[in-house]
Amino acid sequence: MTGAAPAPDPERLEQDDAAWDAFVAAGNPPSHLQSAAWAAVKRPNGWRALRVAAAAGGRVAGGQVLVVRPPGSPWGIGYLARGPVTPDGPLDPALLAAFLVRLRAVARERRLALVRIEPELLAGDPLAGSLAAAGLRRVEPVQPDRSSIIDLRPDEEAILGAMHRKCRQSVTKSARLGVRIAEVGGERIDDFYAVHADAMRRAGIAPRSAGTFRAMWEILAPRGMARLFLAFGPESDAPVAALLLVRCGGRAVDLYGGTTADGGALRANYLLKWEAIRAARAAGCTEYDLWGLPRSGIEQFKSGFGGVETEYIGAWEMTVSPAGAAVIRIAERARAAVRRFRYRETHRPDAPDPLGEGSANASAGSET
C-alpha cells in the first residue's frame, strides 16, 4: 500500500526556483503570477521577489511576494497575487493561519510596511473570515476579481456547443470571410505589440512598452509558458488581431491581445480566441482563463465563449508597520490624484507602482 507523497520542505520551496515552480504548477489551481518566471518578468520594473512557505497538519502553503521600495522610503510594500498556493487541495483554516504567521514574520524581517494579498479563493469562501480575524482588511483589487473560465476537458464539439449561438456564428463568419490564424514565434512580437497598443489606445488605456513584451516573451517562451497567435485578413500579411497566451500547469490564460478596426469588421477576435482555446486544449491544458470581465462590452464578448463566471474574494491588506503603512497610503492617494488629473502624461504601466502591479484587467485590449 502506497501512502500519500510527503509534503514538500518549506525551506526548500523558499530557496529553490525549480522546486518552487513545480509546486506552483501543481497548484489547485496554478497561477503564472506565482511562478519564478513571472518574478523575472517584473524584475526590470523594480520588483524583487521573496517566497514564504509554512506547514500545518502535514500540508504546505506557499506564496511568492513581489516587493518594491518607494524611493527614499525605509519601508517596502509586498504584493502576493493569486496565492498562497497549495498543490494538494484547498486551503484550510489551520494552514492559512500558519502561512499568515510566517508571512508577517518575514515581512517584519524585510521591513515591509504592508503586504497586499489576492488569494484565489471564491467569493463567499469562509476563509475570508479567517483573513479578517488575522487582522487583514479589504482593499481595492489589483488583479481581475471576476473572470470566465472554460473547462477544456470535454471534446471540441462540446466546448463549441456550450458557446452562445451568436459567438459560434461570429467564429464561423470570420472563417468564411477568409480570416487566417497562425501561431508565430518571437520574431513577430513587434507585430503583436502594434495591434495590442493600438487597441489599448483606442480603449483609452496607456499600453505597456514594447520592451516589456519582448522581455516577457524572452523569459516565458523558453520555459514553455507563452504562445503567440496572430489573425490575418484574407488579402494581407498585416495582422488584424493578436493574442498572447500564458500557461502555468494545466491553466492557459488569455492575458494580452488586441484587434484592429479592420479585425473587428472581420470578427477576427472570435476566430482567434477559438483557435487559441483549441491549441491550449491540444497541448494538455484543462482550463482556459479569459482573464477578467472588466467592462460590459468585454464581459458580453467573453461570456459568449461559454465559460463559468468566477468571482474571487478580492484583495486584502496586512499591516506590518502602522506608521510605514500610513505614509505609504498617503503617498499612493497623492499619486492616484495626479494620475486622474493628468492621466495620459503621467501614467506609466511599467512603473513599480503597487497599485499597477500585474496590470489589473491587463487584457482589456484583447477583445476591442
Foldseek 3Di string as FASTA:
>chain_A
DDDDDAADDFVCCQPPLVVVQVFQLLWPHHDPCQHPLVQVLLVVQAWHWTKFKFDDPRFMWMWIWIWHDPPPDPAIETETEQDRTGNPDDDDLVNVVRRVVRVLVVRVVVRHQKYKYFHQAFPPPCCVVSCVVVPKAADAFQFAQKWFKQFLPDDLVVLLVLFAPVLNVLLVQLVVQQKDKDWDALVCLVLQVVQQCVLCVVVVHHAADSVSSSSSRVSQVVVVFKIKMFIDGRPDPRGQKIFIWGDRNQEIERFAMAGHPVRVVSSVLSNHVSVVSVVSSVVPRRMYIPTHDDDPVSVVNRVRSNGDMTGGNGMIMDGNNVVSVVVVVVVLVVVVVVCVVPVVVPDHLSHPDVSSPPHHPNHVRNPD
